[in-house]
């Protein structure tokens, strides 16, 4: 006989916590890698062309946005 498996409230909360942790952790790692690479490249560009500061700042900020997206997803996973 096949029995249907149901999850209790505590199991669901555990899965939500694992999902939220993975979302923020992996997004943080990805954002850190992006900022490290674009920051290093941006510093080398700024040493030759200081007037490109705005463009370099924008590119580094886009890398930081990855971590913010992970935080938003983690919050949504916990709430919903």
Protein backbone atom coordinates (compact mmCIF):
# COMPACT_ATOMS: atom_id res chain seq x y z
CA UNK A 1 0.00 0.00 0.00
CA UNK A 2 1.18 3.49 -0.77
CA UNK A 3 0.72 6.03 1.96
CA UNK A 4 0.56 9.74 1.28
CA UNK A 5 3.25 11.64 3.12
CA UNK A 6 2.28 14.97 4.56
CA UNK A 7 4.55 17.57 6.05
CA UNK A 8 3.89 19.13 9.39
CA UNK A 9 4.28 22.80 10.20
CA UNK A 10 7.70 22.32 11.76
CA UNK A 11 9.00 20.44 8.69
CA UNK A 12 7.74 23.19 6.42
CA UNK A 13 9.45 25.80 8.58
CA UNK A 14 12.68 23.83 8.33
CA UNK A 15 12.48 23.66 4.55
CA UNK A 16 11.78 27.39 4.42
CA UNK A 17 14.81 28.09 6.59
CA UNK A 18 17.05 25.93 4.42
CA UNK A 19 15.72 27.57 1.25
CA UNK A 20 16.17 31.08 2.64
CA UNK A 21 19.67 30.26 3.84
CA UNK A 22 20.66 28.88 0.47
CA UNK A 23 19.18 31.89 -1.32
CA UNK A 24 21.06 34.46 0.74
CA UNK A 25 24.25 32.40 1.00
CA UNK A 26 24.64 31.61 -2.68
CA UNK A 27 23.62 35.13 -3.70
CA UNK A 28 26.15 36.55 -1.24
CA UNK A 29 28.92 34.37 -2.65
CA UNK A 30 27.98 35.31 -6.21
CA UNK A 31 27.79 38.99 -5.34
CA UNK A 32 31.16 38.83 -3.62
CA UNK A 33 32.78 37.23 -6.65
CA UNK A 34 31.20 39.83 -8.94
CA UNK A 35 32.33 42.77 -6.79
CA UNK A 36 35.84 41.33 -6.44
CA UNK A 37 36.34 40.97 -10.17
CA UNK A 38 34.67 44.20 -11.24
CA UNK A 39 36.30 46.13 -8.40
CA UNK A 40 39.77 44.99 -9.39
CA UNK A 41 39.13 45.77 -13.04
CA UNK A 42 37.54 49.08 -12.09
CA UNK A 43 40.56 50.17 -10.07
CA UNK A 44 42.84 49.48 -12.99
CA UNK A 45 40.57 51.53 -15.26
CA UNK A 46 40.48 54.40 -12.75
CA UNK A 47 44.26 54.49 -12.58
CA UNK A 48 44.34 55.29 -16.30
CA UNK A 49 41.07 57.23 -16.72
CA UNK A 50 39.88 58.92 -13.51
CA UNK A 51 36.90 60.42 -15.34
CA UNK A 52 35.34 56.93 -15.67
CA UNK A 53 34.51 56.86 -11.95
CA UNK A 54 30.73 56.97 -12.48
CA UNK A 55 30.71 54.06 -14.90
CA UNK A 56 32.95 51.95 -12.66
CA UNK A 57 30.77 52.70 -9.63
CA UNK A 58 27.67 51.66 -11.56
CA UNK A 59 29.20 48.36 -12.67
CA UNK A 60 30.33 47.50 -9.12
CA UNK A 61 26.88 48.41 -7.77
CA UNK A 62 25.26 46.00 -10.22
CA UNK A 63 27.36 43.22 -8.74
CA UNK A 64 26.19 44.17 -5.25
CA UNK A 65 22.61 44.01 -6.49
CA UNK A 66 22.92 40.24 -6.80
CA UNK A 67 23.24 39.92 -3.02
CA UNK A 68 20.27 42.25 -2.50
CA UNK A 69 18.15 40.11 -4.82
CA UNK A 70 19.09 37.05 -2.76
CA UNK A 71 18.04 38.84 0.41
CA UNK A 72 14.67 39.74 -1.12
CA UNK A 73 14.10 36.14 -2.22
CA UNK A 74 15.03 34.87 1.26
CA UNK A 75 12.54 37.24 2.86
CA UNK A 76 9.81 36.15 0.44
CA UNK A 77 10.52 32.48 1.10
CA UNK A 78 10.19 32.97 4.85
CA UNK A 79 7.03 35.11 4.61
CA UNK A 80 5.16 33.03 2.04
